Amino acid sequence: HHKHSYYLIRNGDLLGYTESEIEIIANLARYHRRSP
């Protein structure tokens, strides 16, 4: 589900953020478990 979280956040049209910021948020969620 951590990988799915990355995909949903990255493609979820979060408003108020730049593309780079969305990429950071998605990666942070991606790495909350399993592999660093």
PDB file of all heavy atoms in Angstrom:
ATOM      1  N   HIS A   1       0.822  -1.218   0.000  1.00  0.00           N
ATOM      2  CA  HIS A   1       0.000   0.000   0.000  1.00  0.00           C
ATOM      3  C   HIS A   1       0.854   1.266   0.000  1.00  0.00           C
ATOM      4  O   HIS A   1       0.406   2.327  -0.456  1.00  0.00           O
ATOM      5  CB  HIS A   1      -0.987   0.002   1.165  1.00  0.00           C
ATOM      6  CG  HIS A   1      -0.370   0.196   2.514  1.00  0.00           C
ATOM      7  ND1 HIS A   1       0.010  -0.840   3.317  1.00  0.00           N
ATOM      8  CD2 HIS A   1      -0.083   1.333   3.204  1.00  0.00           C
ATOM      9  CE1 HIS A   1       0.517  -0.371   4.441  1.00  0.00           C
ATOM     10  NE2 HIS A   1       0.475   0.946   4.411  1.00  0.00           N
ATOM     11  N   HIS A   2       2.100   1.180   0.510  1.00  0.00           N
ATOM     12  CA  HIS A   2       2.973   2.358   0.493  1.00  0.00           C
ATOM     13  C   HIS A   2       3.293   2.798  -0.933  1.00  0.00           C
ATOM     14  O   HIS A   2       3.394   3.988  -1.217  1.00  0.00           O
ATOM     15  CB  HIS A   2       4.264   2.084   1.276  1.00  0.00           C
ATOM     16  CG  HIS A   2       5.010   0.863   0.844  1.00  0.00           C
ATOM     17  ND1 HIS A   2       4.470  -0.406   0.888  1.00  0.00           N
ATOM     18  CD2 HIS A   2       6.265   0.710   0.339  1.00  0.00           C
ATOM     19  CE1 HIS A   2       5.355  -1.285   0.440  1.00  0.00           C
ATOM     20  NE2 HIS A   2       6.454  -0.632   0.095  1.00  0.00           N
ATOM     21  N   LYS A   3       3.418   1.810  -1.841  1.00  0.00           N
ATOM     22  CA  LYS A   3       3.667   2.133  -3.251  1.00  0.00           C
ATOM     23  C   LYS A   3       2.410   2.737  -3.894  1.00  0.00           C
ATOM     24  O   LYS A   3       2.495   3.654  -4.710  1.00  0.00           O
ATOM     25  CB  LYS A   3       4.105   0.891  -4.021  1.00  0.00           C
ATOM     26  CG  LYS A   3       5.445   0.326  -3.542  1.00  0.00           C
ATOM     27  CD  LYS A   3       5.823  -0.929  -4.318  1.00  0.00           C
ATOM     28  CE  LYS A   3       7.129  -1.520  -3.790  1.00  0.00           C
ATOM     29  NZ  LYS A   3       7.487  -2.769  -4.510  1.00  0.00           N
ATOM     30  N   HIS A   4       1.261   2.212  -3.511  1.00  0.00           N
ATOM     31  CA  HIS A   4       0.006   2.774  -4.023  1.00  0.00           C
ATOM     32  C   HIS A   4      -0.197   4.201  -3.504  1.00  0.00           C
ATOM     33  O   HIS A   4      -0.733   5.062  -4.213  1.00  0.00           O
ATOM     34  CB  HIS A   4      -1.180   1.898  -3.626  1.00  0.00           C
ATOM     35  CG  HIS A   4      -1.087   0.489  -4.122  1.00  0.00           C
ATOM     36  ND1 HIS A   4      -0.713   0.173  -5.409  1.00  0.00           N
ATOM     37  CD2 HIS A   4      -1.315  -0.704  -3.488  1.00  0.00           C
ATOM     38  CE1 HIS A   4      -0.710  -1.148  -5.558  1.00  0.00           C
ATOM     39  NE2 HIS A   4      -1.078  -1.694  -4.416  1.00  0.00           N
ATOM     40  N   SER A   5       0.227   4.434  -2.260  1.00  0.00           N
ATOM     41  CA  SER A   5       0.128   5.797  -1.705  1.00  0.00           C
ATOM     42  C   SER A   5       0.930   6.769  -2.559  1.00  0.00           C
ATOM     43  O   SER A   5       0.472   7.880  -2.849  1.00  0.00           O
ATOM     44  CB  SER A   5       0.641   5.831  -0.262  1.00  0.00           C
ATOM     45  OG  SER A   5      -0.221   5.126   0.605  1.00  0.00           O
ATOM     46  N   TYR A   6       2.127   6.352  -2.954  1.00  0.00           N
ATOM     47  CA  TYR A   6       2.954   7.214  -3.816  1.00  0.00           C
ATOM     48  C   TYR A   6       2.182   7.578  -5.089  1.00  0.00           C
ATOM     49  O   TYR A   6       2.091   8.752  -5.460  1.00  0.00           O
ATOM     50  CB  TYR A   6       4.269   6.529  -4.196  1.00  0.00           C
ATOM     51  CG  TYR A   6       5.030   7.294  -5.269  1.00  0.00           C
ATOM     52  CD1 TYR A   6       5.854   8.363  -4.928  1.00  0.00           C
ATOM     53  CD2 TYR A   6       4.872   6.991  -6.624  1.00  0.00           C
ATOM     54  CE1 TYR A   6       6.517   9.097  -5.900  1.00  0.00           C
ATOM     55  CE2 TYR A   6       5.522   7.718  -7.599  1.00  0.00           C
ATOM     56  CZ  TYR A   6       6.346   8.774  -7.237  1.00  0.00           C
ATOM     57  OH  TYR A   6       6.973   9.513  -8.210  1.00  0.00           O
ATOM     58  N   TYR A   7       1.613   6.572  -5.725  1.00  0.00           N
ATOM     59  CA  TYR A   7       0.921   6.798  -7.000  1.00  0.00           C
ATOM     60  C   TYR A   7      -0.286   7.723  -6.820  1.00  0.00           C
ATOM     61  O   TYR A   7      -0.479   8.667  -7.601  1.00  0.00           O
ATOM     62  CB  TYR A   7       0.469   5.465  -7.587  1.00  0.00           C
ATOM     63  CG  TYR A   7      -0.342   5.622  -8.852  1.00  0.00           C
ATOM     64  CD1 TYR A   7       0.274   5.811 -10.080  1.00  0.00           C
ATOM     65  CD2 TYR A   7      -1.739   5.616  -8.810  1.00  0.00           C
ATOM     66  CE1 TYR A   7      -0.466   5.984 -11.239  1.00  0.00           C
ATOM     67  CE2 TYR A   7      -2.488   5.798  -9.957  1.00  0.00           C
ATOM     68  CZ  TYR A   7      -1.839   5.980 -11.171  1.00  0.00           C
ATOM     69  OH  TYR A   7      -2.579   6.176 -12.308  1.00  0.00           O
ATOM     70  N   LEU A   8      -1.093   7.474  -5.801  1.00  0.00           N
ATOM     71  CA  LEU A   8      -2.303   8.290  -5.596  1.00  0.00           C
ATOM     72  C   LEU A   8      -1.959   9.739  -5.270  1.00  0.00           C
ATOM     73  O   LEU A   8      -2.611  10.665  -5.761  1.00  0.00           O
ATOM     74  CB  LEU A   8      -3.159   7.686  -4.474  1.00  0.00           C
ATOM     75  CG  LEU A   8      -3.830   6.340  -4.782  1.00  0.00           C
ATOM     76  CD1 LEU A   8      -4.586   5.831  -3.564  1.00  0.00           C
ATOM     77  CD2 LEU A   8      -4.765   6.454  -5.985  1.00  0.00           C
ATOM     78  N   ILE A   9      -0.937   9.946  -4.440  1.00  0.00           N
ATOM     79  CA  ILE A   9      -0.549  11.317  -4.102  1.00  0.00           C
ATOM     80  C   ILE A   9       0.054  12.014  -5.311  1.00  0.00           C
ATOM     81  O   ILE A   9      -0.270  13.169  -5.612  1.00  0.00           O
ATOM     82  CB  ILE A   9       0.454  11.319  -2.927  1.00  0.00           C
ATOM     83  CG1 ILE A   9      -0.213  10.786  -1.659  1.00  0.00           C
ATOM     84  CG2 ILE A   9       1.009  12.724  -2.683  1.00  0.00           C
ATOM     85  CD1 ILE A   9       0.760  10.470  -0.525  1.00  0.00           C
ATOM     86  N   ARG A  10       0.904  11.296  -6.011  1.00  0.00           N
ATOM     87  CA  ARG A  10       1.601  11.904  -7.160  1.00  0.00           C
ATOM     88  C   ARG A  10       0.626  12.319  -8.253  1.00  0.00           C
ATOM     89  O   ARG A  10       0.872  13.292  -8.980  1.00  0.00           O
ATOM     90  CB  ARG A  10       2.622  10.902  -7.735  1.00  0.00           C
ATOM     91  CG  ARG A  10       3.551  11.492  -8.785  1.00  0.00           C
ATOM     92  CD  ARG A  10       4.455  12.533  -8.159  1.00  0.00           C
ATOM     93  NE  ARG A  10       5.146  13.326  -9.166  1.00  0.00           N
ATOM     94  CZ  ARG A  10       4.657  14.372  -9.787  1.00  0.00           C
ATOM     95  NH1 ARG A  10       3.424  14.777  -9.533  1.00  0.00           N
ATOM     96  NH2 ARG A  10       5.376  15.046 -10.668  1.00  0.00           N
ATOM     97  N   ASN A  11      -0.470  11.594  -8.383  1.00  0.00           N
ATOM     98  CA  ASN A  11      -1.416  11.862  -9.463  1.00  0.00           C
ATOM     99  C   ASN A  11      -2.753  12.394  -8.956  1.00  0.00           C
ATOM    100  O   ASN A  11      -3.736  12.391  -9.692  1.00  0.00           O
ATOM    101  CB  ASN A  11      -1.648  10.579 -10.279  1.00  0.00           C
ATOM    102  CG  ASN A  11      -0.379  10.097 -10.949  1.00  0.00           C
ATOM    103  OD1 ASN A  11       0.038  10.635 -11.968  1.00  0.00           O
ATOM    104  ND2 ASN A  11       0.256   9.088 -10.378  1.00  0.00           N
ATOM    105  N   GLY A  12      -2.775  12.876  -7.715  1.00  0.00           N
ATOM    106  CA  GLY A  12      -4.039  13.262  -7.099  1.00  0.00           C
ATOM    107  C   GLY A  12      -4.406  14.724  -7.174  1.00  0.00           C
ATOM    108  O   GLY A  12      -5.367  15.147  -6.559  1.00  0.00           O
ATOM    109  N   ASP A  13      -3.629  15.534  -7.908  1.00  0.00           N
ATOM    110  CA  ASP A  13      -3.944  16.966  -8.073  1.00  0.00           C
ATOM    111  C   ASP A  13      -4.096  17.702  -6.740  1.00  0.00           C
ATOM    112  O   ASP A  13      -5.072  18.409  -6.510  1.00  0.00           O
ATOM    113  CB  ASP A  13      -5.216  17.153  -8.913  1.00  0.00           C
ATOM    114  CG  ASP A  13      -4.969  16.865 -10.390  1.00  0.00           C
ATOM    115  OD1 ASP A  13      -3.878  17.212 -10.874  1.00  0.00           O
ATOM    116  OD2 ASP A  13      -5.863  16.303 -11.042  1.00  0.00           O
ATOM    117  N   LEU A  14      -3.115  17.525  -5.840  1.00  0.00           N
ATOM    118  CA  LEU A  14      -3.111  18.321  -4.612  1.00  0.00           C
ATOM    119  C   LEU A  14      -2.948  19.786  -4.986  1.00  0.00           C
ATOM    120  O   LEU A  14      -2.066  20.138  -5.772  1.00  0.00           O
ATOM    121  CB  LEU A  14      -1.950  17.894  -3.696  1.00  0.00           C
ATOM    122  CG  LEU A  14      -2.104  16.580  -2.940  1.00  0.00           C
ATOM    123  CD1 LEU A  14      -0.822  16.281  -2.172  1.00  0.00           C
ATOM    124  CD2 LEU A  14      -3.290  16.617  -1.994  1.00  0.00           C
ATOM    125  N   LEU A  15      -3.771  20.644  -4.420  1.00  0.00           N
ATOM    126  CA  LEU A  15      -3.731  22.065  -4.761  1.00  0.00           C
ATOM    127  C   LEU A  15      -2.827  22.832  -3.802  1.00  0.00           C
ATOM    128  O   LEU A  15      -2.704  22.494  -2.631  1.00  0.00           O
ATOM    129  CB  LEU A  15      -5.146  22.647  -4.716  1.00  0.00           C
ATOM    130  CG  LEU A  15      -6.141  22.066  -5.717  1.00  0.00           C
ATOM    131  CD1 LEU A  15      -7.508  22.709  -5.539  1.00  0.00           C
ATOM    132  CD2 LEU A  15      -5.660  22.240  -7.144  1.00  0.00           C
ATOM    133  N   GLY A  16      -2.216  23.871  -4.325  1.00  0.00           N
ATOM    134  CA  GLY A  16      -1.371  24.736  -3.515  1.00  0.00           C
ATOM    135  C   GLY A  16       0.083  24.336  -3.481  1.00  0.00           C
ATOM    136  O   GLY A  16       0.910  25.046  -2.920  1.00  0.00           O
ATOM    137  N   TYR A  17       0.408  23.189  -4.073  1.00  0.00           N
ATOM    138  CA  TYR A  17       1.777  22.693  -4.068  1.00  0.00           C
ATOM    139  C   TYR A  17       2.372  22.717  -5.477  1.00  0.00           C
ATOM    140  O   TYR A  17       1.661  22.567  -6.465  1.00  0.00           O
ATOM    141  CB  TYR A  17       1.823  21.238  -3.565  1.00  0.00           C
ATOM    142  CG  TYR A  17       1.349  21.047  -2.161  1.00  0.00           C
ATOM    143  CD1 TYR A  17       0.044  20.644  -1.890  1.00  0.00           C
ATOM    144  CD2 TYR A  17       2.206  21.250  -1.088  1.00  0.00           C
ATOM    145  CE1 TYR A  17      -0.392  20.450  -0.589  1.00  0.00           C
ATOM    146  CE2 TYR A  17       1.776  21.063   0.223  1.00  0.00           C
ATOM    147  CZ  TYR A  17       0.474  20.665   0.457  1.00  0.00           C
ATOM    148  OH  TYR A  17       0.040  20.474   1.746  1.00  0.00           O
ATOM    149  N   THR A  18       3.701  22.857  -5.533  1.00  0.00           N
ATOM    150  CA  THR A  18       4.393  22.712  -6.812  1.00  0.00           C
ATOM    151  C   THR A  18       4.578  21.223  -7.092  1.00  0.00           C
ATOM    152  O   THR A  18       4.408  20.371  -6.205  1.00  0.00           O
ATOM    153  CB  THR A  18       5.775  23.389  -6.780  1.00  0.00           C
ATOM    154  OG1 THR A  18       6.612  22.682  -5.848  1.00  0.00           O
ATOM    155  CG2 THR A  18       5.672  24.848  -6.358  1.00  0.00           C
ATOM    156  N   GLU A  19       4.972  20.903  -8.328  1.00  0.00           N
ATOM    157  CA  GLU A  19       5.215  19.510  -8.695  1.00  0.00           C
ATOM    158  C   GLU A  19       6.313  18.897  -7.822  1.00  0.00           C
ATOM    159  O   GLU A  19       6.214  17.746  -7.405  1.00  0.00           O
ATOM    160  CB  GLU A  19       5.605  19.421 -10.170  1.00  0.00           C
ATOM    161  CG  GLU A  19       4.483  19.762 -11.135  1.00  0.00           C
ATOM    162  CD  GLU A  19       3.490  18.623 -11.277  1.00  0.00           C
ATOM    163  OE1 GLU A  19       3.822  17.610 -11.896  1.00  0.00           O
ATOM    164  OE2 GLU A  19       2.371  18.754 -10.757  1.00  0.00           O
ATOM    165  N   SER A  20       7.355  19.670  -7.536  1.00  0.00           N
ATOM    166  CA  SER A  20       8.457  19.163  -6.704  1.00  0.00           C
ATOM    167  C   SER A  20       7.974  18.849  -5.296  1.00  0.00           C
ATOM    168  O   SER A  20       8.361  17.834  -4.695  1.00  0.00           O
ATOM    169  CB  SER A  20       9.597  20.187  -6.635  1.00  0.00           C
ATOM    170  OG  SER A  20      10.158  20.393  -7.908  1.00  0.00           O
ATOM    171  N   GLU A  21       7.126  19.706  -4.749  1.00  0.00           N
ATOM    172  CA  GLU A  21       6.600  19.481  -3.404  1.00  0.00           C
ATOM    173  C   GLU A  21       5.707  18.242  -3.363  1.00  0.00           C
ATOM    174  O   GLU A  21       5.758  17.458  -2.406  1.00  0.00           O
ATOM    175  CB  GLU A  21       5.836  20.714  -2.927  1.00  0.00           C
ATOM    176  CG  GLU A  21       6.741  21.888  -2.613  1.00  0.00           C
ATOM    177  CD  GLU A  21       5.995  23.190  -2.389  1.00  0.00           C
ATOM    178  OE1 GLU A  21       4.880  23.351  -2.935  1.00  0.00           O
ATOM    179  OE2 GLU A  21       6.534  24.060  -1.680  1.00  0.00           O
ATOM    180  N   ILE A  22       4.895  18.050  -4.399  1.00  0.00           N
ATOM    181  CA  ILE A  22       4.041  16.850  -4.467  1.00  0.00           C
ATOM    182  C   ILE A  22       4.911  15.608  -4.560  1.00  0.00           C
ATOM    183  O   ILE A  22       4.623  14.576  -3.934  1.00  0.00           O
ATOM    184  CB  ILE A  22       3.063  16.946  -5.664  1.00  0.00           C
ATOM    185  CG1 ILE A  22       2.053  18.080  -5.431  1.00  0.00           C
ATOM    186  CG2 ILE A  22       2.332  15.615  -5.868  1.00  0.00           C
ATOM    187  CD1 ILE A  22       1.178  18.392  -6.629  1.00  0.00           C
ATOM    188  N   GLU A  23       5.996  15.694  -5.325  1.00  0.00           N
ATOM    189  CA  GLU A  23       6.926  14.566  -5.450  1.00  0.00           C
ATOM    190  C   GLU A  23       7.532  14.217  -4.093  1.00  0.00           C
ATOM    191  O   GLU A  23       7.679  13.036  -3.740  1.00  0.00           O
ATOM    192  CB  GLU A  23       8.029  14.902  -6.455  1.00  0.00           C
ATOM    193  CG  GLU A  23       8.881  13.732  -6.887  1.00  0.00           C
ATOM    194  CD  GLU A  23       8.148  12.754  -7.789  1.00  0.00           C
ATOM    195  OE1 GLU A  23       7.770  13.123  -8.915  1.00  0.00           O
ATOM    196  OE2 GLU A  23       7.959  11.604  -7.349  1.00  0.00           O
ATOM    197  N   ILE A  24       7.874  15.233  -3.298  1.00  0.00           N
ATOM    198  CA  ILE A  24       8.426  14.995  -1.955  1.00  0.00           C
ATOM    199  C   ILE A  24       7.380  14.328  -1.062  1.00  0.00           C
ATOM    200  O   ILE A  24       7.669  13.330  -0.384  1.00  0.00           O
ATOM    201  CB  ILE A  24       8.909  16.315  -1.326  1.00  0.00           C
ATOM    202  CG1 ILE A  24      10.182  16.814  -2.032  1.00  0.00           C
ATOM    203  CG2 ILE A  24       9.185  16.134   0.170  1.00  0.00           C
ATOM    204  CD1 ILE A  24      10.604  18.211  -1.618  1.00  0.00           C
ATOM    205  N   ILE A  25       6.153  14.869  -1.046  1.00  0.00           N
ATOM    206  CA  ILE A  25       5.083  14.300  -0.204  1.00  0.00           C
ATOM    207  C   ILE A  25       4.844  12.836  -0.581  1.00  0.00           C
ATOM    208  O   ILE A  25       4.743  11.957   0.293  1.00  0.00           O
ATOM    209  CB  ILE A  25       3.778  15.112  -0.362  1.00  0.00           C
ATOM    210  CG1 ILE A  25       3.956  16.533   0.189  1.00  0.00           C
ATOM    211  CG2 ILE A  25       2.615  14.414   0.356  1.00  0.00           C
ATOM    212  CD1 ILE A  25       2.844  17.488  -0.204  1.00  0.00           C
ATOM    213  N   ALA A  26       4.772  12.566  -1.885  1.00  0.00           N
ATOM    214  CA  ALA A  26       4.511  11.200  -2.354  1.00  0.00           C
ATOM    215  C   ALA A  26       5.646  10.258  -1.947  1.00  0.00           C
ATOM    216  O   ALA A  26       5.410   9.114  -1.530  1.00  0.00           O
ATOM    217  CB  ALA A  26       4.319  11.202  -3.872  1.00  0.00           C
ATOM    218  N   ASN A  27       6.888  10.720  -2.057  1.00  0.00           N
ATOM    219  CA  ASN A  27       8.028   9.885  -1.664  1.00  0.00           C
ATOM    220  C   ASN A  27       8.063   9.655  -0.156  1.00  0.00           C
ATOM    221  O   ASN A  27       8.404   8.559   0.298  1.00  0.00           O
ATOM    222  CB  ASN A  27       9.336  10.520  -2.141  1.00  0.00           C
ATOM    223  CG  ASN A  27       9.743  10.059  -3.534  1.00  0.00           C
ATOM    224  OD1 ASN A  27      10.363   9.014  -3.690  1.00  0.00           O
ATOM    225  ND2 ASN A  27       9.365  10.840  -4.537  1.00  0.00           N
ATOM    226  N   LEU A  28       7.752  10.678   0.626  1.00  0.00           N
ATOM    227  CA  LEU A  28       7.707  10.498   2.079  1.00  0.00           C
ATOM    228  C   LEU A  28       6.701   9.406   2.452  1.00  0.00           C
ATOM    229  O   LEU A  28       6.982   8.537   3.295  1.00  0.00           O
ATOM    230  CB  LEU A  28       7.344  11.819   2.766  1.00  0.00           C
ATOM    231  CG  LEU A  28       8.420  12.912   2.778  1.00  0.00           C
ATOM    232  CD1 LEU A  28       7.847  14.209   3.356  1.00  0.00           C
ATOM    233  CD2 LEU A  28       9.632  12.472   3.588  1.00  0.00           C
ATOM    234  N   ALA A  29       5.524   9.460   1.828  1.00  0.00           N
ATOM    235  CA  ALA A  29       4.510   8.436   2.095  1.00  0.00           C
ATOM    236  C   ALA A  29       4.991   7.059   1.620  1.00  0.00           C
ATOM    237  O   ALA A  29       4.770   6.044   2.290  1.00  0.00           O
ATOM    238  CB  ALA A  29       3.198   8.814   1.419  1.00  0.00           C
ATOM    239  N   ARG A  30       5.650   7.042   0.487  1.00  0.00           N
ATOM    240  CA  ARG A  30       6.172   5.787  -0.078  1.00  0.00           C
ATOM    241  C   ARG A  30       7.136   5.097   0.895  1.00  0.00           C
ATOM    242  O   ARG A  30       7.169   3.870   1.001  1.00  0.00           O
ATOM    243  CB  ARG A  30       6.870   6.102  -1.409  1.00  0.00           C
ATOM    244  CG  ARG A  30       7.911   5.103  -1.910  1.00  0.00           C
ATOM    245  CD  ARG A  30       7.277   3.846  -2.413  1.00  0.00           C
ATOM    246  NE  ARG A  30       8.220   2.971  -3.086  1.00  0.00           N
ATOM    247  CZ  ARG A  30       9.021   2.086  -2.457  1.00  0.00           C
ATOM    248  NH1 ARG A  30       9.000   1.989  -1.143  1.00  0.00           N
ATOM    249  NH2 ARG A  30       9.822   1.303  -3.148  1.00  0.00           N
ATOM    250  N   TYR A  31       7.923   5.890   1.627  1.00  0.00           N
ATOM    251  CA  TYR A  31       8.958   5.312   2.480  1.00  0.00           C
ATOM    252  C   TYR A  31       8.591   5.309   3.965  1.00  0.00           C
ATOM    253  O   TYR A  31       9.462   5.321   4.813  1.00  0.00           O
ATOM    254  CB  TYR A  31      10.282   6.047   2.246  1.00  0.00           C
ATOM    255  CG  TYR A  31      10.837   5.804   0.855  1.00  0.00           C
ATOM    256  CD1 TYR A  31      11.001   6.854  -0.049  1.00  0.00           C
ATOM    257  CD2 TYR A  31      11.166   4.514   0.437  1.00  0.00           C
ATOM    258  CE1 TYR A  31      11.489   6.632  -1.325  1.00  0.00           C
ATOM    259  CE2 TYR A  31      11.648   4.279  -0.843  1.00  0.00           C
ATOM    260  CZ  TYR A  31      11.808   5.336  -1.718  1.00  0.00           C
ATOM    261  OH  TYR A  31      12.284   5.103  -2.986  1.00  0.00           O
ATOM    262  N   HIS A  32       7.288   5.281   4.270  1.00  0.00           N
ATOM    263  CA  HIS A  32       6.909   5.177   5.682  1.00  0.00           C
ATOM    264  C   HIS A  32       7.048   3.749   6.199  1.00  0.00           C
ATOM    265  O   HIS A  32       6.943   3.500   7.400  1.00  0.00           O
ATOM    266  CB  HIS A  32       5.479   5.705   5.905  1.00  0.00           C
ATOM    267  CG  HIS A  32       4.381   4.725   5.583  1.00  0.00           C
ATOM    268  ND1 HIS A  32       3.803   4.630   4.334  1.00  0.00           N
ATOM    269  CD2 HIS A  32       3.747   3.798   6.356  1.00  0.00           C
ATOM    270  CE1 HIS A  32       2.870   3.693   4.349  1.00  0.00           C
ATOM    271  NE2 HIS A  32       2.809   3.165   5.564  1.00  0.00           N
ATOM    272  N   ARG A  33       7.307   2.807   5.288  1.00  0.00           N
ATOM    273  CA  ARG A  33       7.475   1.406   5.674  1.00  0.00           C
ATOM    274  C   ARG A  33       8.351   0.694   4.640  1.00  0.00           C
ATOM    275  O   ARG A  33       8.657   1.231   3.596  1.00  0.00           O
ATOM    276  CB  ARG A  33       6.108   0.698   5.793  1.00  0.00           C
ATOM    277  CG  ARG A  33       5.398   0.535   4.466  1.00  0.00           C
ATOM    278  CD  ARG A  33       3.952   0.094   4.628  1.00  0.00           C
ATOM    279  NE  ARG A  33       3.797  -1.276   5.067  1.00  0.00           N
ATOM    280  CZ  ARG A  33       3.620  -2.310   4.245  1.00  0.00           C
ATOM    281  NH1 ARG A  33       3.599  -2.132   2.925  1.00  0.00           N
ATOM    282  NH2 ARG A  33       3.465  -3.520   4.734  1.00  0.00           N
ATOM    283  N   ARG A  34       8.731  -0.506   4.994  1.00  0.00           N
ATOM    284  CA  ARG A  34       9.538  -1.369   4.143  1.00  0.00           C
ATOM    285  C   ARG A  34      10.871  -0.720   3.763  1.00  0.00           C
ATOM    286  O   ARG A  34      11.550  -0.148   4.595  1.00  0.00           O
ATOM    287  CB  ARG A  34       8.741  -1.810   2.907  1.00  0.00           C
ATOM    288  CG  ARG A  34       7.521  -2.669   3.218  1.00  0.00           C
ATOM    289  CD  ARG A  34       7.940  -4.033   3.790  1.00  0.00           C
ATOM    290  NE  ARG A  34       6.814  -4.869   4.136  1.00  0.00           N
ATOM    291  CZ  ARG A  34       6.275  -5.772   3.324  1.00  0.00           C
ATOM    292  NH1 ARG A  34       6.758  -5.918   2.092  1.00  0.00           N
ATOM    293  NH2 ARG A  34       5.259  -6.514   3.730  1.00  0.00           N
ATOM    294  N   SER A  35      11.228  -0.795   2.497  1.00  0.00           N
ATOM    295  CA  SER A  35      12.568  -0.366   2.062  1.00  0.00           C
ATOM    296  C   SER A  35      12.810   1.123   2.298  1.00  0.00           C
ATOM    297  O   SER A  35      11.916   1.946   2.076  1.00  0.00           O
ATOM    298  CB  SER A  35      12.741  -0.670   0.571  1.00  0.00           C
ATOM    299  OG  SER A  35      13.894  -0.036   0.054  1.00  0.00           O
ATOM    300  N   PRO A  36      14.031   1.484   2.733  1.00  0.00           N
ATOM    301  CA  PRO A  36      14.373   2.914   2.778  1.00  0.00           C
ATOM    302  C   PRO A  36      14.597   3.428   1.355  1.00  0.00           C
ATOM    303  O   PRO A  36      14.643   2.634   0.402  1.00  0.00           O
ATOM    304  CB  PRO A  36      15.678   2.928   3.582  1.00  0.00           C
ATOM    305  CG  PRO A  36      16.293   1.584   3.349  1.00  0.00           C
ATOM    306  CD  PRO A  36      15.135   0.635   3.202  1.00  0.00           C
TER     307      PRO A  36
END
